[in-house]
Every structure is written in structure tokens, then in C-alpha cells.
């Protein structure tokens, strides 16, 4: 998934996708430990996508946090 696509999704969708990726990562790590994983590059790709999602979620949380005090001060 590209960064542009990630930024367009809602925080709830991103959290759900992050959960799915963490489960997939878990299963791939188990396969790797048992010697069944053929493409070890999948683990790296999943870790990077999780990091991208977490970065976007943090950006969205920070922008909401900054916007909330500004609206509260106006009242």
C-alpha cells in the first residue's frame, strides 16, 4: 500500500489494517522459525508497512490534538 493510500484512510481503518498486518507478521515469524518461510523479504515489507501506518496515525493524532485546544480557546 502506498503512503498516499494510507493517508486517505480513516484512523479506524488504519488501526484495523495494522492489526491484520501484525497477525500476518506473527504467522510469518512462526513459519520462519520452523524453516517453512520461502520469502523472508515479506517480513521486512510488513514491518515497514506497519511503521508507515503508525506514522500516519501519529500525524493524525497530533493534528487533532493541536486543533482541539485552538477551538477551545475561541469560546
N, C-alpha and C. Protein backbone atom coordinates (compact mmCIF):
# COMPACT_ATOMS: atom_id res chain seq x y z
N UNK A 1 0.85 -1.16 0.00
CA UNK A 1 0.00 0.00 0.00
C UNK A 1 0.91 1.24 0.00
N UNK A 2 0.57 2.19 -0.84
CA UNK A 2 1.38 3.40 -0.93
C UNK A 2 1.01 4.37 0.18
N UNK A 3 1.91 5.28 0.45
CA UNK A 3 1.70 6.26 1.51
C UNK A 3 0.47 7.12 1.22
N UNK A 4 0.26 7.46 -0.03
CA UNK A 4 -0.90 8.28 -0.40
C UNK A 4 -2.20 7.56 -0.04
N UNK A 5 -2.27 6.27 -0.30
CA UNK A 5 -3.45 5.48 0.03
C UNK A 5 -3.64 5.39 1.54
N UNK A 6 -2.54 5.28 2.26
CA UNK A 6 -2.61 5.19 3.71
C UNK A 6 -3.16 6.48 4.30
N UNK A 7 -2.68 7.62 3.80
CA UNK A 7 -3.12 8.92 4.32
C UNK A 7 -4.61 9.18 4.08
N UNK A 8 -5.17 8.58 3.04
CA UNK A 8 -6.57 8.80 2.70
C UNK A 8 -7.53 8.02 3.59
N UNK A 9 -7.04 7.01 4.28
CA UNK A 9 -7.90 6.16 5.10
C UNK A 9 -8.17 6.79 6.46
N UNK A 10 -9.26 6.37 7.07
CA UNK A 10 -9.63 6.87 8.40
C UNK A 10 -8.77 6.18 9.46
N UNK A 11 -8.64 6.78 10.63
CA UNK A 11 -7.86 6.16 11.71
C UNK A 11 -8.37 4.77 12.10
N UNK A 12 -9.69 4.56 12.04
CA UNK A 12 -10.24 3.25 12.38
C UNK A 12 -9.81 2.20 11.36
N UNK A 13 -9.83 2.58 10.07
CA UNK A 13 -9.40 1.65 9.03
C UNK A 13 -7.91 1.33 9.18
N UNK A 14 -7.13 2.35 9.50
CA UNK A 14 -5.70 2.14 9.67
C UNK A 14 -5.40 1.23 10.86
N UNK A 15 -6.13 1.41 11.94
CA UNK A 15 -5.94 0.56 13.11
C UNK A 15 -6.29 -0.89 12.78
N UNK A 16 -7.35 -1.10 12.01
CA UNK A 16 -7.74 -2.45 11.62
C UNK A 16 -6.68 -3.07 10.72
N UNK A 17 -6.17 -2.30 9.78
CA UNK A 17 -5.13 -2.80 8.87
C UNK A 17 -3.85 -3.13 9.64
N UNK A 18 -3.51 -2.29 10.60
CA UNK A 18 -2.33 -2.53 11.42
C UNK A 18 -2.47 -3.84 12.20
N UNK A 19 -3.66 -4.09 12.72
CA UNK A 19 -3.92 -5.34 13.45
C UNK A 19 -3.76 -6.55 12.52
N UNK A 20 -4.29 -6.45 11.31
CA UNK A 20 -4.17 -7.54 10.34
C UNK A 20 -2.70 -7.81 10.01
N UNK A 21 -1.94 -6.73 9.81
CA UNK A 21 -0.53 -6.89 9.47
C UNK A 21 0.26 -7.50 10.62
N UNK A 22 -0.07 -7.13 11.84
CA UNK A 22 0.62 -7.71 13.00
C UNK A 22 0.35 -9.20 13.10
N UNK A 23 -0.89 -9.61 12.82
CA UNK A 23 -1.21 -11.04 12.83
C UNK A 23 -0.45 -11.78 11.74
N UNK A 24 -0.42 -11.18 10.55
CA UNK A 24 0.30 -11.79 9.44
C UNK A 24 1.80 -11.89 9.76
N UNK A 25 2.34 -10.86 10.37
CA UNK A 25 3.74 -10.86 10.76
C UNK A 25 4.01 -12.00 11.75
N UNK A 26 3.12 -12.17 12.69
CA UNK A 26 3.25 -13.24 13.68
C UNK A 26 3.32 -14.61 12.99
N UNK A 27 2.40 -14.84 12.05
CA UNK A 27 2.37 -16.12 11.36
C UNK A 27 3.62 -16.33 10.51
N UNK A 28 4.10 -15.26 9.89
CA UNK A 28 5.31 -15.38 9.09
C UNK A 28 6.54 -15.68 9.96
N UNK A 29 6.59 -15.08 11.14
CA UNK A 29 7.71 -15.34 12.05
C UNK A 29 7.70 -16.79 12.50
N UNK A 30 6.52 -17.33 12.73
CA UNK A 30 6.42 -18.75 13.11
C UNK A 30 6.92 -19.63 11.96
N UNK A 31 6.51 -19.28 10.73
CA UNK A 31 6.97 -20.04 9.57
C UNK A 31 8.49 -19.95 9.43
N UNK A 32 9.04 -18.77 9.69
CA UNK A 32 10.48 -18.59 9.58
C UNK A 32 11.22 -19.45 10.60
N UNK A 33 10.70 -19.50 11.81
CA UNK A 33 11.36 -20.29 12.85
C UNK A 33 11.32 -21.78 12.55
N UNK A 34 10.27 -22.22 11.88
CA UNK A 34 10.16 -23.64 11.56
C UNK A 34 10.80 -23.97 10.22
N UNK A 35 11.33 -22.97 9.53
CA UNK A 35 12.02 -23.21 8.27
C UNK A 35 11.10 -23.33 7.07
N UNK A 36 9.86 -22.92 7.19
CA UNK A 36 8.90 -23.04 6.09
C UNK A 36 8.75 -21.76 5.27
N UNK A 37 9.30 -20.66 5.73
CA UNK A 37 9.14 -19.39 5.03
C UNK A 37 10.08 -19.33 3.84
N UNK A 38 9.51 -19.15 2.64
CA UNK A 38 10.31 -19.10 1.43
C UNK A 38 10.79 -17.69 1.12
N UNK A 39 9.95 -16.69 1.36
CA UNK A 39 10.30 -15.30 1.05
C UNK A 39 10.48 -14.53 2.36
N UNK A 40 11.69 -14.44 2.81
CA UNK A 40 11.94 -13.73 4.06
C UNK A 40 11.77 -12.23 3.90
N UNK A 41 11.74 -11.75 2.68
CA UNK A 41 11.56 -10.32 2.44
C UNK A 41 10.14 -9.86 2.79
N UNK A 42 9.21 -10.79 2.90
CA UNK A 42 7.84 -10.45 3.29
C UNK A 42 7.81 -9.84 4.69
N UNK A 43 8.61 -10.38 5.59
CA UNK A 43 8.65 -9.85 6.96
C UNK A 43 9.07 -8.39 6.97
N UNK A 44 10.10 -8.08 6.22
CA UNK A 44 10.59 -6.70 6.16
C UNK A 44 9.54 -5.77 5.57
N UNK A 45 8.88 -6.21 4.51
CA UNK A 45 7.86 -5.39 3.87
C UNK A 45 6.69 -5.12 4.83
N UNK A 46 6.29 -6.12 5.58
CA UNK A 46 5.19 -5.96 6.53
C UNK A 46 5.60 -5.02 7.66
N UNK A 47 6.81 -5.17 8.18
CA UNK A 47 7.29 -4.27 9.24
C UNK A 47 7.29 -2.83 8.76
N UNK A 48 7.71 -2.62 7.54
CA UNK A 48 7.75 -1.26 7.00
C UNK A 48 6.35 -0.68 6.81
N UNK A 49 5.42 -1.51 6.36
CA UNK A 49 4.05 -1.01 6.18
C UNK A 49 3.43 -0.69 7.54
N UNK A 50 3.69 -1.49 8.54
CA UNK A 50 3.20 -1.19 9.89
C UNK A 50 3.78 0.14 10.37
N UNK A 51 5.05 0.36 10.12
CA UNK A 51 5.68 1.62 10.51
C UNK A 51 5.05 2.81 9.80
N UNK A 52 4.76 2.65 8.51
CA UNK A 52 4.10 3.73 7.77
C UNK A 52 2.73 4.05 8.36
N UNK A 53 1.98 3.01 8.67
CA UNK A 53 0.65 3.20 9.24
C UNK A 53 0.74 3.89 10.60
N UNK A 54 1.67 3.46 11.43
CA UNK A 54 1.83 4.08 12.75
C UNK A 54 2.24 5.54 12.62
N UNK A 55 3.08 5.86 11.65
CA UNK A 55 3.50 7.24 11.42
C UNK A 55 2.31 8.11 11.04
N UNK A 56 1.48 7.63 10.14
CA UNK A 56 0.31 8.39 9.71
C UNK A 56 -0.68 8.54 10.86
N UNK A 57 -0.87 7.49 11.64
CA UNK A 57 -1.77 7.58 12.80
C UNK A 57 -1.27 8.62 13.79
N UNK A 58 0.04 8.64 14.05
CA UNK A 58 0.60 9.64 14.95
C UNK A 58 0.43 11.05 14.41
N UNK A 59 0.62 11.23 13.11
CA UNK A 59 0.43 12.54 12.49
C UNK A 59 -1.02 13.01 12.65
N UNK A 60 -1.95 12.09 12.41
CA UNK A 60 -3.37 12.45 12.52
C UNK A 60 -3.73 12.78 13.97
N UNK A 61 -3.19 12.03 14.92
CA UNK A 61 -3.47 12.30 16.34
C UNK A 61 -2.90 13.66 16.75
N UNK A 62 -1.71 13.98 16.29
CA UNK A 62 -1.10 15.26 16.63
C UNK A 62 -1.87 16.42 16.03
N UNK A 63 -2.34 16.26 14.79
CA UNK A 63 -3.10 17.34 14.16
C UNK A 63 -4.44 17.55 14.87
N UNK A 64 -5.06 16.48 15.35
CA UNK A 64 -6.31 16.61 16.09
C UNK A 64 -6.07 17.24 17.45
N UNK A 65 -4.96 16.90 18.07
CA UNK A 65 -4.63 17.45 19.39
C UNK A 65 -4.36 18.95 19.29
N UNK A 66 -3.67 19.37 18.25
CA UNK A 66 -3.39 20.79 18.07
C UNK A 66 -4.64 21.57 17.72
N UNK A 67 -5.55 20.96 16.98
CA UNK A 67 -6.77 21.65 16.58
C UNK A 67 -7.75 21.79 17.74
N UNK A 68 -7.78 20.82 18.63
CA UNK A 68 -8.73 20.86 19.75
C UNK A 68 -8.48 22.03 20.71
N UNK A 69 -7.26 22.29 21.18
CA UNK A 69 -7.06 23.43 22.07
C UNK A 69 -7.34 24.77 21.39
N UNK A 70 -7.09 24.87 20.10
CA UNK A 70 -7.34 26.12 19.39
C UNK A 70 -8.83 26.43 19.36
N UNK A 71 -9.67 25.43 19.18
CA UNK A 71 -11.10 25.66 19.15
C UNK A 71 -11.62 25.92 20.56
N UNK A 72 -11.00 25.32 21.56
CA UNK A 72 -11.43 25.51 22.95
C UNK A 72 -11.13 26.93 23.42
N UNK A 73 -10.04 27.52 22.96
CA UNK A 73 -9.67 28.87 23.38
C UNK A 73 -10.57 29.93 22.78
N UNK A 74 -11.16 29.66 21.64
CA UNK A 74 -12.02 30.63 20.98
C UNK A 74 -13.31 30.88 21.74
N UNK A 75 -13.77 29.92 22.49
CA UNK A 75 -15.05 30.06 23.20
C UNK A 75 -14.96 30.94 24.36
